[in-house]
Amino acid sequence: MSRALPKYRKRRVIIGGGAAALVLSGAVIVSSAMAGQDKGTSTATTKAAGPGTVNCPAVAPSLPAVPASAKAEIDRNLALLNTQIAEANKRLIDTVGQGGPNFIQNAILGPLADKRVSTINRMATAIGRTAAKPQGLDSLAPCTLNTGAAGNAGNGQAQNPSTPPANQGGNAGAGNGAGNGANAGAGNGAGAPGTVNCPAVAPSLPAVPASAKAEIDRNLALLNTQIAEANKRLIDTVGQGGPNFIQNAILGPLADKRVSTINRMATAIGRTAAKPQGLDSLAPCTLNK
């Protein structure tokens, strides 16, 4: 027993030293890994191409003195403007890779401007109840895109049939779907099916009377649905038909549906205002190849 004791102690010392070494090594490894993680995150953040953000004119500095009776409503609508911007920025992120060249304008910036017009007009009306109604605030409604990151045009082209944009569009900028296959002159044959590219209708509408707004919104949504259905049909019919299949079976019927939908919008506006003319020219669509 007296001889085993020193060996036992020696082993204890060796084992203890090994554990200490392991702990120390582990700390070094963890520290190195964390250092590498920070560096990697920083690099990724620098290189990643984000979708950009919307850039909207400030409204509050352009308001006149706000009567006490209107203050709560003004504050509520100023907060709503901020919410609208936040929602638009989220949509920029959620829709990266969708749509065509004018997707961002038609699906995000255009609808955002419409919401801002309504919100700004409510503020002007609230002030006008007890003071001079401010004029010209509508000019603050349109927003632009901060394209701080390369590849923001990735919000273009390959439109997702299951997620139509808030406003119909096909449109501009090289997007995810550049060079999408099927030539209309060669039938719906080899290659990817492409997507339909339709002119935006909302920007060509005149001021919409309040009485027609619900019907206009409903039909703009229907235009989106029609585009989504046409894009799905392009996918489902790859390899079918002859040289004019896409024109006769997809683009032609889509144009007919769009004529009816656009005419309903013109009629709705015409009930209480001048009926817009010539909107039928926006019905035909082409194929993003």
C-alpha atoms as a PDB file:
ATOM      1  CA  MET A   1       0.000   0.000   0.000  1.00  0.00           C
ATOM      2  CA  SER A   2       2.885   2.366   0.813  1.00  0.00           C
ATOM      3  CA  ARG A   3       4.323   1.780  -2.698  1.00  0.00           C
ATOM      4  CA  ALA A   4       0.981   2.238  -4.504  1.00  0.00           C
ATOM      5  CA  LEU A   5       0.259   5.557  -2.874  1.00  0.00           C
ATOM      6  CA  PRO A   6       2.927   7.603  -4.698  1.00  0.00           C
ATOM      7  CA  LYS A   7       1.829   6.064  -8.023  1.00  0.00           C
ATOM      8  CA  TYR A   8      -1.767   6.910  -7.246  1.00  0.00           C
ATOM      9  CA  ARG A   9      -0.837  10.452  -6.356  1.00  0.00           C
ATOM     10  CA  LYS A  10       1.280  10.696  -9.452  1.00  0.00           C
ATOM     11  CA  ARG A  11      -1.625   9.558 -11.595  1.00  0.00           C
ATOM     12  CA  ARG A  12      -3.873  12.032  -9.875  1.00  0.00           C
ATOM     13  CA  VAL A  13      -1.449  14.790 -10.698  1.00  0.00           C
ATOM     14  CA  ILE A  14      -1.162  13.640 -14.314  1.00  0.00           C
ATOM     15  CA  ILE A  15      -4.921  13.319 -14.717  1.00  0.00           C
ATOM     16  CA  GLY A  16      -5.497  16.702 -13.053  1.00  0.00           C
ATOM     17  CA  GLY A  17      -2.921  18.298 -15.321  1.00  0.00           C
ATOM     18  CA  GLY A  18      -4.574  16.735 -18.377  1.00  0.00           C
ATOM     19  CA  ALA A  19      -7.998  18.053 -17.328  1.00  0.00           C
ATOM     20  CA  ALA A  20      -6.546  21.496 -16.837  1.00  0.00           C
ATOM     21  CA  ALA A  21      -4.941  21.286 -20.243  1.00  0.00           C
ATOM     22  CA  LEU A  22      -8.256  20.195 -21.770  1.00  0.00           C
ATOM     23  CA  VAL A  23     -10.115  23.059 -20.140  1.00  0.00           C
ATOM     24  CA  LEU A  24      -7.498  25.496 -21.312  1.00  0.00           C
ATOM     25  CA  SER A  25      -7.545  24.044 -24.826  1.00  0.00           C
ATOM     26  CA  GLY A  26     -11.336  24.187 -24.881  1.00  0.00           C
ATOM     27  CA  ALA A  27     -11.281  27.834 -23.884  1.00  0.00           C
ATOM     28  CA  VAL A  28      -8.832  28.574 -26.673  1.00  0.00           C
ATOM     29  CA  ILE A  29     -10.943  26.656 -29.199  1.00  0.00           C
ATOM     30  CA  VAL A  30     -14.169  28.385 -28.148  1.00  0.00           C
ATOM     31  CA  SER A  31     -12.449  31.748 -28.187  1.00  0.00           C
ATOM     32  CA  SER A  32     -11.048  31.090 -31.664  1.00  0.00           C
ATOM     33  CA  ALA A  33     -14.424  29.897 -32.940  1.00  0.00           C
ATOM     34  CA  MET A  34     -16.162  32.973 -31.614  1.00  0.00           C
ATOM     35  CA  ALA A  35     -13.556  35.204 -33.149  1.00  0.00           C
ATOM     36  CA  GLY A  36     -14.054  33.443 -36.488  1.00  0.00           C
ATOM     37  CA  GLN A  37     -17.812  33.741 -36.143  1.00  0.00           C
ATOM     38  CA  ASP A  38     -17.691  37.499 -35.601  1.00  0.00           C
ATOM     39  CA  LYS A  39     -15.390  37.909 -38.553  1.00  0.00           C
ATOM     40  CA  GLY A  40     -17.577  35.756 -40.761  1.00  0.00           C
ATOM     41  CA  THR A  41     -20.729  37.607 -39.792  1.00  0.00           C
ATOM     42  CA  SER A  42     -19.121  40.929 -40.510  1.00  0.00           C
ATOM     43  CA  THR A  43     -17.952  39.751 -43.909  1.00  0.00           C
ATOM     44  CA  ALA A  44     -21.336  38.316 -44.812  1.00  0.00           C
ATOM     45  CA  THR A  45     -23.068  41.493 -43.789  1.00  0.00           C
ATOM     46  CA  THR A  46     -20.744  43.547 -45.919  1.00  0.00           C
ATOM     47  CA  LYS A  47     -21.093  41.367 -48.986  1.00  0.00           C
ATOM     48  CA  ALA A  48     -24.790  40.471 -48.823  1.00  0.00           C
ATOM     49  CA  ALA A  49     -27.018  42.197 -51.345  1.00  0.00           C
ATOM     50  CA  GLY A  50     -30.139  43.449 -49.624  1.00  0.00           C
ATOM     51  CA  PRO A  51     -33.408  44.498 -51.286  1.00  0.00           C
ATOM     52  CA  GLY A  52     -33.030  48.197 -50.444  1.00  0.00           C
ATOM     53  CA  THR A  53     -35.462  50.324 -48.454  1.00  0.00           C
ATOM     54  CA  VAL A  54     -38.160  52.818 -49.337  1.00  0.00           C
ATOM     55  CA  ASN A  55     -37.341  56.502 -49.032  1.00  0.00           C
ATOM     56  CA  CYS A  56     -40.376  58.689 -48.334  1.00  0.00           C
ATOM     57  CA  PRO A  57     -40.548  62.467 -47.810  1.00  0.00           C
ATOM     58  CA  ALA A  58     -41.237  63.528 -44.224  1.00  0.00           C
ATOM     59  CA  VAL A  59     -44.759  64.867 -43.813  1.00  0.00           C
ATOM     60  CA  ALA A  60     -44.732  66.379 -40.319  1.00  0.00           C
ATOM     61  CA  PRO A  61     -42.370  69.298 -41.174  1.00  0.00           C
ATOM     62  CA  SER A  62     -44.717  70.390 -43.971  1.00  0.00           C
ATOM     63  CA  LEU A  63     -47.834  70.530 -41.798  1.00  0.00           C
ATOM     64  CA  PRO A  64     -49.076  73.930 -40.609  1.00  0.00           C
ATOM     65  CA  ALA A  65     -49.833  74.607 -36.969  1.00  0.00           C
ATOM     66  CA  VAL A  66     -52.064  71.767 -35.845  1.00  0.00           C
ATOM     67  CA  PRO A  67     -55.236  72.756 -33.944  1.00  0.00           C
ATOM     68  CA  ALA A  68     -55.626  71.029 -30.590  1.00  0.00           C
ATOM     69  CA  SER A  69     -58.827  69.414 -31.811  1.00  0.00           C
ATOM     70  CA  ALA A  70     -56.929  67.688 -34.642  1.00  0.00           C
ATOM     71  CA  LYS A  71     -53.786  66.704 -32.771  1.00  0.00           C
ATOM     72  CA  ALA A  72     -54.823  63.159 -31.856  1.00  0.00           C
ATOM     73  CA  GLU A  73     -55.864  62.398 -35.424  1.00  0.00           C
ATOM     74  CA  ILE A  74     -52.658  63.900 -36.835  1.00  0.00           C
ATOM     75  CA  ASP A  75     -50.514  61.860 -34.436  1.00  0.00           C
ATOM     76  CA  ARG A  76     -52.424  58.703 -35.305  1.00  0.00           C
ATOM     77  CA  ASN A  77     -51.949  59.229 -39.046  1.00  0.00           C
ATOM     78  CA  LEU A  78     -48.274  60.160 -38.715  1.00  0.00           C
ATOM     79  CA  ALA A  79     -47.803  56.848 -36.891  1.00  0.00           C
ATOM     80  CA  LEU A  80     -49.709  55.122 -39.700  1.00  0.00           C
ATOM     81  CA  LEU A  81     -47.308  56.601 -42.264  1.00  0.00           C
ATOM     82  CA  ASN A  82     -44.446  54.987 -40.343  1.00  0.00           C
ATOM     83  CA  THR A  83     -46.302  51.664 -40.275  1.00  0.00           C
ATOM     84  CA  GLN A  84     -46.868  51.833 -44.038  1.00  0.00           C
ATOM     85  CA  ILE A  85     -43.155  52.393 -44.637  1.00  0.00           C
ATOM     86  CA  ALA A  86     -42.258  49.480 -42.346  1.00  0.00           C
ATOM     87  CA  GLU A  87     -44.704  47.204 -44.196  1.00  0.00           C
ATOM     88  CA  ALA A  88     -43.264  48.272 -47.564  1.00  0.00           C
ATOM     89  CA  ASN A  89     -39.734  47.539 -46.369  1.00  0.00           C
ATOM     90  CA  LYS A  90     -40.843  44.107 -45.178  1.00  0.00           C
ATOM     91  CA  ARG A  91     -42.477  43.444 -48.558  1.00  0.00           C
ATOM     92  CA  LEU A  92     -39.217  44.378 -50.303  1.00  0.00           C
ATOM     93  CA  ILE A  93     -37.512  41.647 -48.285  1.00  0.00           C
ATOM     94  CA  ASP A  94     -40.287  39.055 -48.680  1.00  0.00           C
ATOM     95  CA  THR A  95     -40.548  39.452 -52.475  1.00  0.00           C
ATOM     96  CA  VAL A  96     -36.893  39.393 -53.499  1.00  0.00           C
ATOM     97  CA  GLY A  97     -36.708  37.477 -56.787  1.00  0.00           C
ATOM     98  CA  GLN A  98     -40.367  37.985 -57.710  1.00  0.00           C
ATOM     99  CA  GLY A  99     -41.940  40.049 -60.441  1.00  0.00           C
ATOM    100  CA  GLY A 100     -40.547  41.739 -63.513  1.00  0.00           C
ATOM    101  CA  PRO A 101     -38.765  44.968 -64.351  1.00  0.00           C
ATOM    102  CA  ASN A 102     -41.383  47.285 -62.824  1.00  0.00           C
ATOM    103  CA  PHE A 103     -42.379  44.983 -59.977  1.00  0.00           C
ATOM    104  CA  ILE A 104     -41.116  47.225 -57.181  1.00  0.00           C
ATOM    105  CA  GLN A 105     -42.869  50.268 -58.620  1.00  0.00           C
ATOM    106  CA  ASN A 106     -46.140  48.481 -59.348  1.00  0.00           C
ATOM    107  CA  ALA A 107     -46.343  46.178 -56.347  1.00  0.00           C
ATOM    108  CA  ILE A 108     -44.690  48.178 -53.571  1.00  0.00           C
ATOM    109  CA  LEU A 109     -43.987  51.853 -54.288  1.00  0.00           C
ATOM    110  CA  GLY A 110     -47.239  52.465 -56.196  1.00  0.00           C
ATOM    111  CA  PRO A 111     -49.576  50.985 -53.570  1.00  0.00           C
ATOM    112  CA  LEU A 112     -47.536  52.697 -50.841  1.00  0.00           C
ATOM    113  CA  ALA A 113     -48.043  56.072 -52.548  1.00  0.00           C
ATOM    114  CA  ASP A 114     -51.797  55.400 -52.742  1.00  0.00           C
ATOM    115  CA  LYS A 115     -51.945  54.614 -49.022  1.00  0.00           C
ATOM    116  CA  ARG A 116     -49.925  57.713 -48.228  1.00  0.00           C
ATOM    117  CA  VAL A 117     -52.239  59.907 -50.318  1.00  0.00           C
ATOM    118  CA  SER A 118     -55.231  58.684 -48.304  1.00  0.00           C
ATOM    119  CA  THR A 119     -53.438  59.117 -44.984  1.00  0.00           C
ATOM    120  CA  ILE A 120     -52.121  62.595 -45.844  1.00  0.00           C
ATOM    121  CA  ASN A 121     -55.550  63.676 -47.072  1.00  0.00           C
ATOM    122  CA  ARG A 122     -57.085  62.595 -43.774  1.00  0.00           C
ATOM    123  CA  MET A 123     -54.609  64.818 -41.956  1.00  0.00           C
ATOM    124  CA  ALA A 124     -55.350  67.755 -44.221  1.00  0.00           C
ATOM    125  CA  THR A 125     -59.077  67.240 -43.666  1.00  0.00           C
ATOM    126  CA  ALA A 126     -58.621  67.014 -39.882  1.00  0.00           C
ATOM    127  CA  ILE A 127     -56.746  70.336 -39.828  1.00  0.00           C
ATOM    128  CA  GLY A 128     -59.250  71.893 -42.215  1.00  0.00           C
ATOM    129  CA  ARG A 129     -62.146  71.339 -39.848  1.00  0.00           C
ATOM    130  CA  THR A 130     -61.022  74.162 -37.594  1.00  0.00           C
ATOM    131  CA  ALA A 131     -58.301  75.966 -39.601  1.00  0.00           C
ATOM    132  CA  ALA A 132     -57.216  76.567 -43.163  1.00  0.00           C
ATOM    133  CA  LYS A 133     -56.916  73.228 -44.936  1.00  0.00           C
ATOM    134  CA  PRO A 134     -53.318  72.694 -46.112  1.00  0.00           C
ATOM    135  CA  GLN A 135     -52.919  72.251 -49.860  1.00  0.00           C
ATOM    136  CA  GLY A 136     -50.436  70.322 -51.979  1.00  0.00           C
ATOM    137  CA  LEU A 137     -49.466  67.755 -49.365  1.00  0.00           C
ATOM    138  CA  ASP A 138     -50.174  65.000 -51.900  1.00  0.00           C
ATOM    139  CA  SER A 139     -46.816  65.790 -53.463  1.00  0.00           C
ATOM    140  CA  LEU A 140     -45.237  64.132 -50.421  1.00  0.00           C
ATOM    141  CA  ALA A 141     -46.945  60.801 -51.112  1.00  0.00           C
ATOM    142  CA  PRO A 142     -44.597  59.196 -53.697  1.00  0.00           C
ATOM    143  CA  CYS A 143     -41.575  57.346 -52.346  1.00  0.00           C
ATOM    144  CA  THR A 144     -38.417  56.143 -54.028  1.00  0.00           C
ATOM    145  CA  LEU A 145     -36.138  53.185 -53.483  1.00  0.00           C
ATOM    146  CA  ASN A 146     -32.855  53.388 -51.625  1.00  0.00           C
ATOM    147  CA  THR A 147     -30.824  50.945 -53.662  1.00  0.00           C
ATOM    148  CA  GLY A 148     -28.040  50.698 -51.149  1.00  0.00           C
ATOM    149  CA  ALA A 149     -27.181  47.129 -52.078  1.00  0.00           C
ATOM    150  CA  ALA A 150     -26.190  45.561 -55.339  1.00  0.00           C
ATOM    151  CA  GLY A 151     -28.661  43.100 -56.763  1.00  0.00           C
ATOM    152  CA  ASN A 152     -31.751  44.974 -55.716  1.00  0.00           C
ATOM    153  CA  ALA A 153     -33.004  44.351 -59.218  1.00  0.00           C
ATOM    154  CA  GLY A 154     -33.419  40.779 -57.997  1.00  0.00           C
ATOM    155  CA  ASN A 155     -36.917  41.940 -57.160  1.00  0.00           C
ATOM    156  CA  GLY A 156     -37.506  41.566 -60.833  1.00  0.00           C
ATOM    157  CA  GLN A 157     -38.548  38.999 -63.371  1.00  0.00           C
ATOM    158  CA  ALA A 158     -39.367  35.455 -62.247  1.00  0.00           C
ATOM    159  CA  GLN A 159     -42.811  36.186 -60.875  1.00  0.00           C
ATOM    160  CA  ASN A 160     -44.023  33.674 -58.331  1.00  0.00           C
ATOM    161  CA  PRO A 161     -47.426  32.406 -59.486  1.00  0.00           C
ATOM    162  CA  SER A 162     -48.463  31.543 -55.938  1.00  0.00           C
ATOM    163  CA  THR A 163     -47.580  34.977 -54.595  1.00  0.00           C
ATOM    164  CA  PRO A 164     -48.924  37.658 -56.970  1.00  0.00           C
ATOM    165  CA  PRO A 165     -47.746  41.213 -56.339  1.00  0.00           C
ATOM    166  CA  ALA A 166     -50.004  43.797 -54.739  1.00  0.00           C
ATOM    167  CA  ASN A 167     -50.463  45.398 -58.147  1.00  0.00           C
ATOM    168  CA  GLN A 168     -50.261  43.604 -61.438  1.00  0.00           C
ATOM    169  CA  GLY A 169     -47.093  43.899 -63.331  1.00  0.00           C
ATOM    170  CA  GLY A 170     -44.499  42.369 -65.293  1.00  0.00           C
ATOM    171  CA  ASN A 171     -41.850  44.718 -65.935  1.00  0.00           C
ATOM    172  CA  ALA A 172     -38.207  46.081 -65.748  1.00  0.00           C
ATOM    173  CA  GLY A 173     -34.777  45.132 -64.570  1.00  0.00           C
ATOM    174  CA  ALA A 174     -32.938  41.932 -64.911  1.00  0.00           C
ATOM    175  CA  GLY A 175     -34.340  39.718 -62.275  1.00  0.00           C
ATOM    176  CA  ASN A 176     -34.142  36.175 -61.111  1.00  0.00           C
ATOM    177  CA  GLY A 177     -35.870  34.911 -64.213  1.00  0.00           C
ATOM    178  CA  ALA A 178     -33.731  36.523 -66.903  1.00  0.00           C
ATOM    179  CA  GLY A 179     -33.536  34.254 -69.904  1.00  0.00           C
ATOM    180  CA  ASN A 180     -36.506  32.109 -68.903  1.00  0.00           C
ATOM    181  CA  GLY A 181     -36.914  29.811 -71.941  1.00  0.00           C
ATOM    182  CA  ALA A 182     -39.982  29.098 -74.120  1.00  0.00           C
ATOM    183  CA  ASN A 183     -40.297  31.187 -77.230  1.00  0.00           C
ATOM    184  CA  ALA A 184     -43.883  31.942 -78.189  1.00  0.00           C
ATOM    185  CA  GLY A 185     -42.999  31.341 -81.810  1.00  0.00           C
ATOM    186  CA  ALA A 186     -41.746  27.857 -81.075  1.00  0.00           C
ATOM    187  CA  GLY A 187     -44.586  26.594 -78.943  1.00  0.00           C
ATOM    188  CA  ASN A 188     -44.432  25.848 -75.232  1.00  0.00           C
ATOM    189  CA  GLY A 189     -41.546  23.495 -75.779  1.00  0.00           C
ATOM    190  CA  ALA A 190     -38.031  23.211 -74.504  1.00  0.00           C
ATOM    191  CA  GLY A 191     -36.639  25.295 -71.692  1.00  0.00           C
ATOM    192  CA  ALA A 192     -38.302  27.035 -68.764  1.00  0.00           C
ATOM    193  CA  PRO A 193     -41.834  28.303 -69.445  1.00  0.00           C
ATOM    194  CA  GLY A 194     -41.191  32.020 -68.900  1.00  0.00           C
ATOM    195  CA  THR A 195     -43.692  34.401 -67.286  1.00  0.00           C
ATOM    196  CA  VAL A 196     -46.312  36.768 -68.633  1.00  0.00           C
ATOM    197  CA  ASN A 197     -45.492  40.461 -68.733  1.00  0.00           C
ATOM    198  CA  CYS A 198     -48.540  42.711 -68.457  1.00  0.00           C
ATOM    199  CA  PRO A 199     -48.721  46.525 -68.425  1.00  0.00           C
ATOM    200  CA  ALA A 200     -49.574  48.002 -65.037  1.00  0.00           C
ATOM    201  CA  VAL A 201     -53.094  49.402 -64.911  1.00  0.00           C
ATOM    202  CA  ALA A 202     -53.218  51.294 -61.605  1.00  0.00           C
ATOM    203  CA  PRO A 203     -50.808  54.084 -62.642  1.00  0.00           C
ATOM    204  CA  SER A 204     -53.009  54.859 -65.677  1.00  0.00           C
ATOM    205  CA  LEU A 205     -56.217  55.232 -63.684  1.00  0.00           C
ATOM    206  CA  PRO A 206     -57.491  58.742 -62.925  1.00  0.00           C
ATOM    207  CA  ALA A 207     -58.388  59.821 -59.408  1.00  0.00           C
ATOM    208  CA  VAL A 208     -60.706  57.124 -58.080  1.00  0.00           C
ATOM    209  CA  PRO A 209     -63.954  58.349 -56.461  1.00  0.00           C
ATOM    210  CA  ALA A 210     -64.501  57.032 -52.961  1.00  0.00           C
ATOM    211  CA  SER A 211     -67.659  55.280 -54.130  1.00  0.00           C
ATOM    212  CA  ALA A 212     -65.644  53.258 -56.655  1.00  0.00           C
ATOM    213  CA  LYS A 213     -62.586  52.473 -54.532  1.00  0.00           C
ATOM    214  CA  ALA A 214     -63.705  49.060 -53.281  1.00  0.00           C
ATOM    215  CA  GLU A 215     -64.576  47.907 -56.797  1.00  0.00           C
ATOM    216  CA  ILE A 216     -61.298  49.232 -58.206  1.00  0.00           C
ATOM    217  CA  ASP A 217     -59.289  47.445 -55.491  1.00  0.00           C
ATOM    218  CA  ARG A 218     -61.209  44.229 -56.106  1.00  0.00           C
ATOM    219  CA  ASN A 219     -60.547  44.324 -59.846  1.00  0.00           C
ATOM    220  CA  LEU A 220     -56.868  45.244 -59.449  1.00  0.00           C
ATOM    221  CA  ALA A 221     -56.570  42.155 -57.247  1.00  0.00           C
ATOM    222  CA  LEU A 222     -58.363  40.147 -59.937  1.00  0.00           C
ATOM    223  CA  LEU A 223     -55.785  41.298 -62.512  1.00  0.00           C
ATOM    224  CA  ASN A 224     -53.098  39.874 -60.219  1.00  0.00           C
ATOM    225  CA  THR A 225     -54.983  36.590 -59.967  1.00  0.00           C
ATOM    226  CA  GLN A 226     -55.310  36.386 -63.741  1.00  0.00           C
ATOM    227  CA  ILE A 227     -51.549  36.873 -64.159  1.00  0.00           C
ATOM    228  CA  ALA A 228     -50.825  34.226 -61.528  1.00  0.00           C
ATOM    229  CA  GLU A 229     -53.171  31.772 -63.271  1.00  0.00           C
ATOM    230  CA  ALA A 230     -51.534  32.452 -66.648  1.00  0.00           C
ATOM    231  CA  ASN A 231     -48.078  31.875 -65.158  1.00  0.00           C
ATOM    232  CA  LYS A 232     -49.273  28.587 -63.660  1.00  0.00           C
ATOM    233  CA  ARG A 233     -50.699  27.554 -67.008  1.00  0.00           C
ATOM    234  CA  LEU A 234     -47.341  28.288 -68.649  1.00  0.00           C
ATOM    235  CA  ILE A 235     -45.736  25.867 -66.199  1.00  0.00           C
ATOM    236  CA  ASP A 236     -48.435  23.194 -66.481  1.00  0.00           C
ATOM    237  CA  THR A 237     -48.415  23.134 -70.315  1.00  0.00           C
ATOM    238  CA  VAL A 238     -44.678  22.992 -71.013  1.00  0.00           C
ATOM    239  CA  GLY A 239     -44.179  20.807 -74.081  1.00  0.00           C
ATOM    240  CA  GLN A 240     -47.758  21.116 -75.309  1.00  0.00           C
ATOM    241  CA  GLY A 241     -49.138  22.784 -78.408  1.00  0.00           C
ATOM    242  CA  GLY A 242     -47.695  24.077 -81.646  1.00  0.00           C
ATOM    243  CA  PRO A 243     -45.990  27.300 -82.748  1.00  0.00           C
ATOM    244  CA  ASN A 244     -48.776  29.628 -81.578  1.00  0.00           C
ATOM    245  CA  PHE A 245     -49.884  27.673 -78.515  1.00  0.00           C
ATOM    246  CA  ILE A 246     -48.849  30.271 -75.940  1.00  0.00           C
ATOM    247  CA  GLN A 247     -50.503  33.115 -77.841  1.00  0.00           C
ATOM    248  CA  ASN A 248     -53.719  31.233 -78.548  1.00  0.00           C
ATOM    249  CA  ALA A 249     -54.120  29.289 -75.324  1.00  0.00           C
ATOM    250  CA  ILE A 250     -52.641  31.625 -72.697  1.00  0.00           C
ATOM    251  CA  LEU A 251     -51.877  35.209 -73.773  1.00  0.00           C
ATOM    252  CA  GLY A 252     -55.024  35.606 -75.897  1.00  0.00           C
ATOM    253  CA  PRO A 253     -57.492  34.441 -73.223  1.00  0.00           C
ATOM    254  CA  LEU A 254     -55.601  36.474 -70.620  1.00  0.00           C
ATOM    255  CA  ALA A 255     -56.018  39.623 -72.731  1.00  0.00           C
ATOM    256  CA  ASP A 256     -59.766  38.952 -73.036  1.00  0.00           C
ATOM    257  CA  LYS A 257     -60.095  38.588 -69.254  1.00  0.00           C
ATOM    258  CA  ARG A 258     -58.094  41.769 -68.706  1.00  0.00           C
ATOM    259  CA  VAL A 259     -60.305  43.719 -71.147  1.00  0.00           C
ATOM    260  CA  SER A 260     -63.402  42.754 -69.141  1.00  0.00           C
ATOM    261  CA  THR A 261     -61.755  43.561 -65.807  1.00  0.00           C
ATOM    262  CA  ILE A 262     -60.362  46.899 -66.988  1.00  0.00           C
ATOM    263  CA  ASN A 263     -63.728  47.865 -68.484  1.00  0.00           C
ATOM    264  CA  ARG A 264     -65.422  47.162 -65.148  1.00  0.00           C
ATOM    265  CA  MET A 265     -63.001  49.567 -63.473  1.00  0.00           C
ATOM    266  CA  ALA A 266     -63.635  52.255 -66.086  1.00  0.00           C
ATOM    267  CA  THR A 267     -67.389  51.805 -65.637  1.00  0.00           C
ATOM    268  CA  ALA A 268     -67.095  52.021 -61.847  1.00  0.00           C
ATOM    269  CA  ILE A 269     -65.198  55.294 -62.078  1.00  0.00           C
ATOM    270  CA  GLY A 270     -67.610  56.594 -64.743  1.00  0.00           C
ATOM    271  CA  ARG A 271     -70.610  56.306 -62.446  1.00  0.00           C
ATOM    272  CA  THR A 272     -69.541  59.369 -60.451  1.00  0.00           C
ATOM    273  CA  ALA A 273     -66.736  60.919 -62.539  1.00  0.00           C
ATOM    274  CA  ALA A 274     -65.476  61.115 -66.101  1.00  0.00           C
ATOM    275  CA  LYS A 275     -65.111  57.606 -67.489  1.00  0.00           C
ATOM    276  CA  PRO A 276     -61.482  56.931 -68.427  1.00  0.00           C
ATOM    277  CA  GLN A 277     -60.906  56.069 -72.084  1.00  0.00           C
ATOM    278  CA  GLY A 278     -58.343  53.928 -73.855  1.00  0.00           C
ATOM    279  CA  LEU A 279     -57.503  51.648 -70.935  1.00  0.00           C
ATOM    280  CA  ASP A 280     -58.136  48.623 -73.182  1.00  0.00           C
ATOM    281  CA  SER A 281     -54.695  49.224 -74.672  1.00  0.00           C
ATOM    282  CA  LEU A 282     -53.268  47.893 -71.382  1.00  0.00           C
ATOM    283  CA  ALA A 283     -54.959  44.504 -71.772  1.00  0.00           C
ATOM    284  CA  PRO A 284     -52.508  42.604 -74.043  1.00  0.00           C
ATOM    285  CA  CYS A 285     -49.562  40.896 -72.345  1.00  0.00           C
ATOM    286  CA  THR A 286     -46.335  39.490 -73.703  1.00  0.00           C
ATOM    287  CA  LEU A 287     -44.039  36.680 -72.645  1.00  0.00           C
ATOM    288  CA  ASN A 288     -40.885  37.176 -70.596  1.00  0.00           C
ATOM    289  CA  LYS A 289     -38.605  34.693 -72.341  1.00  0.00           C
END
